[in-house]
Amino acid sequence: MKPFVRLVDEIKACTLCEAQLPLGPRPVFQAHPEARVLVVGQAPGTAVHETGIPFNDPSGDRLRRWMGVDKDTFYDAKQIALVPMGFCYPGRGRGGDLPPRPECAPTWREALLAHLNNVQLTIAVGRYAIDWHLNPAKKETLAAVVAGWRSRWPEIVPLPHPSPRNTLWLKRNPWVEAELVPEIQARVAALLD
């Protein structure tokens, strides 16, 4: 456990991207070697940056509903690890938040995930998480990748980002909440029972 605690302390003290972060560094994640479910997001938004609590926003509300868990369960690091592709708020662009900083994942991801040996389900949320964990074909659309979820089930499942900005996408793809979400809820319940 000491190497894990040391690594967590190093990540929390990271200033690698400080010059590029408009709000400064504040790595936000949750992890514990006992976690059975891993949720991989993109990067914290401003609300998460302010509070230091992962998915502490409307996206988190939808994600918890999709998983069928309450806040106490979701924020229990011994059950659910919350490890985004970028640990700090990257700033805002014209279309919304900027992508996760490119330095973060290569610097910290492999080392942190190496300690999460108990994970039996990885939920890859959004394109950056999906690209890292599933490595789909470059031309494959998000809808196509998510529609192919059964090919990697039950170890990993791709999901669109639960942001309210994706409400229209979800309306165009109602099968996500009708077919996929109940499967995720059942799997999460079985793993956390």
C-alpha atoms as a PDB file:
ATOM      1  CA  MET A   1       0.000   0.000   0.000  1.00  0.00           C
ATOM      2  CA  LYS A   2       2.926   2.367   0.606  1.00  0.00           C
ATOM      3  CA  PRO A   3       3.906   2.614  -3.099  1.00  0.00           C
ATOM      4  CA  PHE A   4       0.261   3.366  -3.958  1.00  0.00           C
ATOM      5  CA  VAL A   5      -0.039   6.089  -1.306  1.00  0.00           C
ATOM      6  CA  ARG A   6       3.262   7.577  -2.471  1.00  0.00           C
ATOM      7  CA  LEU A   7       2.033   7.621  -6.080  1.00  0.00           C
ATOM      8  CA  VAL A   8      -1.265   9.282  -5.089  1.00  0.00           C
ATOM      9  CA  ASP A   9       0.680  11.941  -3.182  1.00  0.00           C
ATOM     10  CA  GLU A  10       2.900  12.553  -6.225  1.00  0.00           C
ATOM     11  CA  ILE A  11      -0.110  12.921  -8.521  1.00  0.00           C
ATOM     12  CA  LYS A  12      -1.841  15.311  -6.123  1.00  0.00           C
ATOM     13  CA  ALA A  13       1.316  17.451  -6.028  1.00  0.00           C
ATOM     14  CA  CYS A  14       1.770  17.445  -9.823  1.00  0.00           C
ATOM     15  CA  THR A  15       2.475  20.801 -11.469  1.00  0.00           C
ATOM     16  CA  LEU A  16       3.558  19.451 -14.878  1.00  0.00           C
ATOM     17  CA  CYS A  17       0.973  21.491 -16.843  1.00  0.00           C
ATOM     18  CA  GLU A  18       0.766  24.458 -14.483  1.00  0.00           C
ATOM     19  CA  ALA A  19       1.630  27.049 -17.135  1.00  0.00           C
ATOM     20  CA  GLN A  20      -1.193  25.817 -19.403  1.00  0.00           C
ATOM     21  CA  LEU A  21      -3.923  25.533 -16.747  1.00  0.00           C
ATOM     22  CA  PRO A  22      -6.078  28.668 -16.438  1.00  0.00           C
ATOM     23  CA  LEU A  23      -7.176  27.838 -12.879  1.00  0.00           C
ATOM     24  CA  GLY A  24      -3.889  26.262 -11.847  1.00  0.00           C
ATOM     25  CA  PRO A  25      -3.216  22.615 -11.015  1.00  0.00           C
ATOM     26  CA  ARG A  26      -5.685  20.729  -8.850  1.00  0.00           C
ATOM     27  CA  PRO A  27      -5.588  17.018  -9.690  1.00  0.00           C
ATOM     28  CA  VAL A  28      -9.005  15.490  -9.019  1.00  0.00           C
ATOM     29  CA  PHE A  29      -9.458  11.719  -8.924  1.00  0.00           C
ATOM     30  CA  GLN A  30     -10.385   8.883  -6.588  1.00  0.00           C
ATOM     31  CA  ALA A  31      -8.691   5.506  -6.470  1.00  0.00           C
ATOM     32  CA  HIS A  32      -8.037   2.575  -4.165  1.00  0.00           C
ATOM     33  CA  PRO A  33      -6.524  -0.847  -4.947  1.00  0.00           C
ATOM     34  CA  GLU A  34      -9.729  -2.587  -3.736  1.00  0.00           C
ATOM     35  CA  ALA A  35     -12.007  -0.822  -6.264  1.00  0.00           C
ATOM     36  CA  ARG A  36     -13.945  -3.219  -8.487  1.00  0.00           C
ATOM     37  CA  VAL A  37     -15.339  -0.587 -10.869  1.00  0.00           C
ATOM     38  CA  LEU A  38     -13.244   1.989 -12.727  1.00  0.00           C
ATOM     39  CA  VAL A  39     -14.914   5.047 -14.232  1.00  0.00           C
ATOM     40  CA  VAL A  40     -12.714   6.871 -16.723  1.00  0.00           C
ATOM     41  CA  GLY A  41     -13.847  10.400 -17.473  1.00  0.00           C
ATOM     42  CA  GLN A  42     -12.221  13.114 -19.544  1.00  0.00           C
ATOM     43  CA  ALA A  43     -11.073  15.951 -17.261  1.00  0.00           C
ATOM     44  CA  PRO A  44     -12.627  17.965 -14.440  1.00  0.00           C
ATOM     45  CA  GLY A  45     -14.897  20.887 -15.259  1.00  0.00           C
ATOM     46  CA  THR A  46     -14.950  24.105 -13.283  1.00  0.00           C
ATOM     47  CA  ALA A  47     -17.412  22.821 -10.640  1.00  0.00           C
ATOM     48  CA  VAL A  48     -15.226  19.777 -10.030  1.00  0.00           C
ATOM     49  CA  HIS A  49     -12.099  21.930  -9.939  1.00  0.00           C
ATOM     50  CA  GLU A  50     -13.681  24.194  -7.320  1.00  0.00           C
ATOM     51  CA  THR A  51     -14.831  21.370  -5.037  1.00  0.00           C
ATOM     52  CA  GLY A  52     -12.127  18.784  -5.701  1.00  0.00           C
ATOM     53  CA  ILE A  53     -14.853  16.118  -5.952  1.00  0.00           C
ATOM     54  CA  PRO A  54     -15.011  14.060  -9.182  1.00  0.00           C
ATOM     55  CA  PHE A  55     -18.267  14.217 -11.158  1.00  0.00           C
ATOM     56  CA  ASN A  56     -19.708  16.715  -8.680  1.00  0.00           C
ATOM     57  CA  ASP A  57     -21.969  18.261 -11.323  1.00  0.00           C
ATOM     58  CA  PRO A  58     -24.994  17.414 -13.507  1.00  0.00           C
ATOM     59  CA  SER A  59     -22.847  14.987 -15.521  1.00  0.00           C
ATOM     60  CA  GLY A  60     -22.182  13.080 -12.318  1.00  0.00           C
ATOM     61  CA  ASP A  61     -25.879  12.978 -11.481  1.00  0.00           C
ATOM     62  CA  ARG A  62     -26.633  11.341 -14.832  1.00  0.00           C
ATOM     63  CA  LEU A  63     -23.664   8.989 -14.573  1.00  0.00           C
ATOM     64  CA  ARG A  64     -24.715   7.808 -11.107  1.00  0.00           C
ATOM     65  CA  ARG A  65     -28.226   7.206 -12.452  1.00  0.00           C
ATOM     66  CA  TRP A  66     -26.782   5.226 -15.369  1.00  0.00           C
ATOM     67  CA  MET A  67     -24.751   3.134 -12.914  1.00  0.00           C
ATOM     68  CA  GLY A  68     -27.639   2.736 -10.465  1.00  0.00           C
ATOM     69  CA  VAL A  69     -25.619   3.948  -7.465  1.00  0.00           C
ATOM     70  CA  ASP A  70     -26.096   6.634  -4.849  1.00  0.00           C
ATOM     71  CA  LYS A  71     -23.502   9.259  -3.927  1.00  0.00           C
ATOM     72  CA  ASP A  72     -22.223   7.313  -0.904  1.00  0.00           C
ATOM     73  CA  THR A  73     -21.451   4.287  -3.059  1.00  0.00           C
ATOM     74  CA  PHE A  74     -20.080   6.363  -5.939  1.00  0.00           C
ATOM     75  CA  TYR A  75     -17.662   8.203  -3.659  1.00  0.00           C
ATOM     76  CA  ASP A  76     -16.462   5.073  -1.860  1.00  0.00           C
ATOM     77  CA  ALA A  77     -12.967   4.678  -3.338  1.00  0.00           C
ATOM     78  CA  LYS A  78     -12.785   1.075  -2.137  1.00  0.00           C
ATOM     79  CA  GLN A  79     -15.657   0.284  -4.508  1.00  0.00           C
ATOM     80  CA  ILE A  80     -15.391   2.746  -7.402  1.00  0.00           C
ATOM     81  CA  ALA A  81     -12.260   4.374  -8.798  1.00  0.00           C
ATOM     82  CA  LEU A  82     -12.782   7.670 -10.652  1.00  0.00           C
ATOM     83  CA  VAL A  83      -9.735   8.274 -12.818  1.00  0.00           C
ATOM     84  CA  PRO A  84     -10.093  10.834 -15.634  1.00  0.00           C
ATOM     85  CA  MET A  85      -7.804  11.075 -18.630  1.00  0.00           C
ATOM     86  CA  GLY A  86      -6.614  14.446 -17.367  1.00  0.00           C
ATOM     87  CA  PHE A  87      -6.585  15.179 -13.652  1.00  0.00           C
ATOM     88  CA  CYS A  88      -6.832  18.994 -13.863  1.00  0.00           C
ATOM     89  CA  TYR A  89      -9.312  21.410 -15.428  1.00  0.00           C
ATOM     90  CA  PRO A  90      -7.825  22.150 -18.884  1.00  0.00           C
ATOM     91  CA  GLY A  91      -9.668  25.395 -19.627  1.00  0.00           C
ATOM     92  CA  ARG A  92     -12.423  26.398 -21.976  1.00  0.00           C
ATOM     93  CA  GLY A  93     -12.491  26.504 -25.766  1.00  0.00           C
ATOM     94  CA  ARG A  94     -15.091  27.657 -28.258  1.00  0.00           C
ATOM     95  CA  GLY A  95     -17.137  24.449 -28.093  1.00  0.00           C
ATOM     96  CA  GLY A  96     -16.866  23.798 -24.360  1.00  0.00           C
ATOM     97  CA  ASP A  97     -14.090  22.571 -22.114  1.00  0.00           C
ATOM     98  CA  LEU A  98     -10.758  21.865 -23.773  1.00  0.00           C
ATOM     99  CA  PRO A  99      -9.497  18.283 -24.120  1.00  0.00           C
ATOM    100  CA  PRO A 100      -7.517  16.751 -21.253  1.00  0.00           C
ATOM    101  CA  ARG A 101      -3.916  17.967 -21.200  1.00  0.00           C
ATOM    102  CA  PRO A 102      -1.848  15.562 -23.331  1.00  0.00           C
ATOM    103  CA  GLU A 103       0.927  15.286 -20.722  1.00  0.00           C
ATOM    104  CA  CYS A 104      -1.248  13.844 -17.976  1.00  0.00           C
ATOM    105  CA  ALA A 105      -2.170  10.351 -19.177  1.00  0.00           C
ATOM    106  CA  PRO A 106       1.331   9.334 -20.363  1.00  0.00           C
ATOM    107  CA  THR A 107       2.839  10.618 -17.125  1.00  0.00           C
ATOM    108  CA  TRP A 108       0.478   9.061 -14.569  1.00  0.00           C
ATOM    109  CA  ARG A 109      -2.084   6.678 -16.076  1.00  0.00           C
ATOM    110  CA  GLU A 110      -0.134   3.415 -16.407  1.00  0.00           C
ATOM    111  CA  ALA A 111       1.405   3.734 -12.953  1.00  0.00           C
ATOM    112  CA  LEU A 112      -1.929   4.424 -11.267  1.00  0.00           C
ATOM    113  CA  LEU A 113      -3.880   1.749 -13.140  1.00  0.00           C
ATOM    114  CA  ALA A 114      -1.183  -0.810 -12.284  1.00  0.00           C
ATOM    115  CA  HIS A 115      -2.365  -0.564  -8.666  1.00  0.00           C
ATOM    116  CA  LEU A 116      -6.028  -1.162  -9.541  1.00  0.00           C
ATOM    117  CA  ASN A 117      -5.785  -4.923  -9.956  1.00  0.00           C
ATOM    118  CA  ASN A 118      -9.249  -5.654  -8.561  1.00  0.00           C
ATOM    119  CA  VAL A 119     -11.146  -3.761 -11.299  1.00  0.00           C
ATOM    120  CA  GLN A 120     -13.642  -5.993 -13.081  1.00  0.00           C
ATOM    121  CA  LEU A 121     -15.552  -3.322 -14.997  1.00  0.00           C
ATOM    122  CA  THR A 122     -14.147  -0.241 -16.704  1.00  0.00           C
ATOM    123  CA  ILE A 123     -16.654   2.384 -17.803  1.00  0.00           C
ATOM    124  CA  ALA A 124     -15.019   4.584 -20.448  1.00  0.00           C
ATOM    125  CA  VAL A 125     -16.961   7.860 -20.532  1.00  0.00           C
ATOM    126  CA  GLY A 126     -16.511  10.119 -23.546  1.00  0.00           C
ATOM    127  CA  ARG A 127     -14.273   9.998 -26.588  1.00  0.00           C
ATOM    128  CA  TYR A 128     -10.897  10.571 -24.890  1.00  0.00           C
ATOM    129  CA  ALA A 129     -11.481   7.749 -22.399  1.00  0.00           C
ATOM    130  CA  ILE A 130     -12.859   5.489 -25.124  1.00  0.00           C
ATOM    131  CA  ASP A 131      -9.886   6.148 -27.410  1.00  0.00           C
ATOM    132  CA  TRP A 132      -7.381   5.336 -24.654  1.00  0.00           C
ATOM    133  CA  HIS A 133      -9.069   2.211 -23.282  1.00  0.00           C
ATOM    134  CA  LEU A 134     -10.702   0.721 -26.388  1.00  0.00           C
ATOM    135  CA  ASN A 135      -8.507   2.071 -29.202  1.00  0.00           C
ATOM    136  CA  PRO A 136     -11.284   2.063 -31.831  1.00  0.00           C
ATOM    137  CA  ALA A 137     -10.663   2.694 -35.501  1.00  0.00           C
ATOM    138  CA  LYS A 138     -10.083   6.405 -36.117  1.00  0.00           C
ATOM    139  CA  LYS A 139     -13.090   6.688 -38.457  1.00  0.00           C
ATOM    140  CA  GLU A 140     -15.467   4.897 -36.083  1.00  0.00           C
ATOM    141  CA  THR A 141     -18.090   7.304 -34.729  1.00  0.00           C
ATOM    142  CA  LEU A 142     -18.944   7.534 -31.060  1.00  0.00           C
ATOM    143  CA  ALA A 143     -22.358   6.044 -31.816  1.00  0.00           C
ATOM    144  CA  ALA A 144     -20.737   3.075 -33.578  1.00  0.00           C
ATOM    145  CA  VAL A 145     -18.262   2.464 -30.755  1.00  0.00           C
ATOM    146  CA  VAL A 146     -20.975   2.598 -28.096  1.00  0.00           C
ATOM    147  CA  ALA A 147     -23.281   0.420 -30.238  1.00  0.00           C
ATOM    148  CA  GLY A 148     -20.533  -2.217 -30.302  1.00  0.00           C
ATOM    149  CA  TRP A 149     -20.403  -2.391 -26.499  1.00  0.00           C
ATOM    150  CA  ARG A 150     -21.136  -6.134 -26.401  1.00  0.00           C
ATOM    151  CA  SER A 151     -17.764  -6.919 -28.041  1.00  0.00           C
ATOM    152  CA  ARG A 152     -15.908  -5.897 -24.873  1.00  0.00           C
ATOM    153  CA  TRP A 153     -18.559  -6.732 -22.303  1.00  0.00           C
ATOM    154  CA  PRO A 154     -18.420  -7.405 -19.349  1.00  0.00           C
ATOM    155  CA  GLU A 155     -14.896  -6.065 -18.729  1.00  0.00           C
ATOM    156  CA  ILE A 156     -15.226  -2.666 -20.397  1.00  0.00           C
ATOM    157  CA  VAL A 157     -18.092  -0.558 -21.658  1.00  0.00           C
ATOM    158  CA  PRO A 158     -17.978   2.680 -23.692  1.00  0.00           C
ATOM    159  CA  LEU A 159     -20.456   5.446 -22.906  1.00  0.00           C
ATOM    160  CA  PRO A 160     -21.078   8.902 -24.294  1.00  0.00           C
ATOM    161  CA  HIS A 161     -20.214  11.673 -21.880  1.00  0.00           C
ATOM    162  CA  PRO A 162     -23.180  12.136 -19.495  1.00  0.00           C
ATOM    163  CA  SER A 163     -23.017  15.922 -19.883  1.00  0.00           C
ATOM    164  CA  PRO A 164     -26.294  17.786 -20.377  1.00  0.00           C
ATOM    165  CA  ARG A 165     -24.689  18.975 -23.643  1.00  0.00           C
ATOM    166  CA  ASN A 166     -25.215  15.409 -24.953  1.00  0.00           C
ATOM    167  CA  THR A 167     -28.959  15.299 -24.289  1.00  0.00           C
ATOM    168  CA  LEU A 168     -29.737  15.644 -28.003  1.00  0.00           C
ATOM    169  CA  TRP A 169     -27.286  12.822 -28.853  1.00  0.00           C
ATOM    170  CA  LEU A 170     -29.010  10.624 -26.270  1.00  0.00           C
ATOM    171  CA  LYS A 171     -32.427  11.447 -27.744  1.00  0.00           C
ATOM    172  CA  ARG A 172     -31.126  10.370 -31.153  1.00  0.00           C
ATOM    173  CA  ASN A 173     -29.770   7.151 -29.617  1.00  0.00           C
ATOM    174  CA  PRO A 174     -32.498   6.100 -27.141  1.00  0.00           C
ATOM    175  CA  TRP A 175     -31.186   2.528 -27.079  1.00  0.00           C
ATOM    176  CA  VAL A 176     -28.333   3.704 -24.796  1.00  0.00           C
ATOM    177  CA  GLU A 177     -30.672   4.331 -21.886  1.00  0.00           C
ATOM    178  CA  ALA A 178     -33.209   1.665 -22.899  1.00  0.00           C
ATOM    179  CA  GLU A 179     -30.805  -1.250 -23.486  1.00  0.00           C
ATOM    180  CA  LEU A 180     -27.283  -0.461 -22.298  1.00  0.00           C
ATOM    181  CA  VAL A 181     -27.959   1.373 -19.035  1.00  0.00           C
ATOM    182  CA  PRO A 182     -29.938  -1.534 -17.470  1.00  0.00           C
ATOM    183  CA  GLU A 183     -27.040  -3.888 -18.294  1.00  0.00           C
ATOM    184  CA  ILE A 184     -24.568  -1.504 -16.654  1.00  0.00           C
ATOM    185  CA  GLN A 185     -26.784  -1.169 -13.588  1.00  0.00           C
ATOM    186  CA  ALA A 186     -27.044  -4.951 -13.209  1.00  0.00           C
ATOM    187  CA  ARG A 187     -23.295  -5.447 -13.642  1.00  0.00           C
ATOM    188  CA  VAL A 188     -22.400  -2.687 -11.173  1.00  0.00           C
ATOM    189  CA  ALA A 189     -24.900  -4.056  -8.642  1.00  0.00           C
ATOM    190  CA  ALA A 190     -23.414  -7.550  -8.959  1.00  0.00           C
ATOM    191  CA  LEU A 191     -19.858  -6.289  -8.512  1.00  0.00           C
ATOM    192  CA  LEU A 192     -20.636  -4.065  -5.529  1.00  0.00           C
ATOM    193  CA  ASP A 193     -23.025  -6.497  -3.792  1.00  0.00           C
END
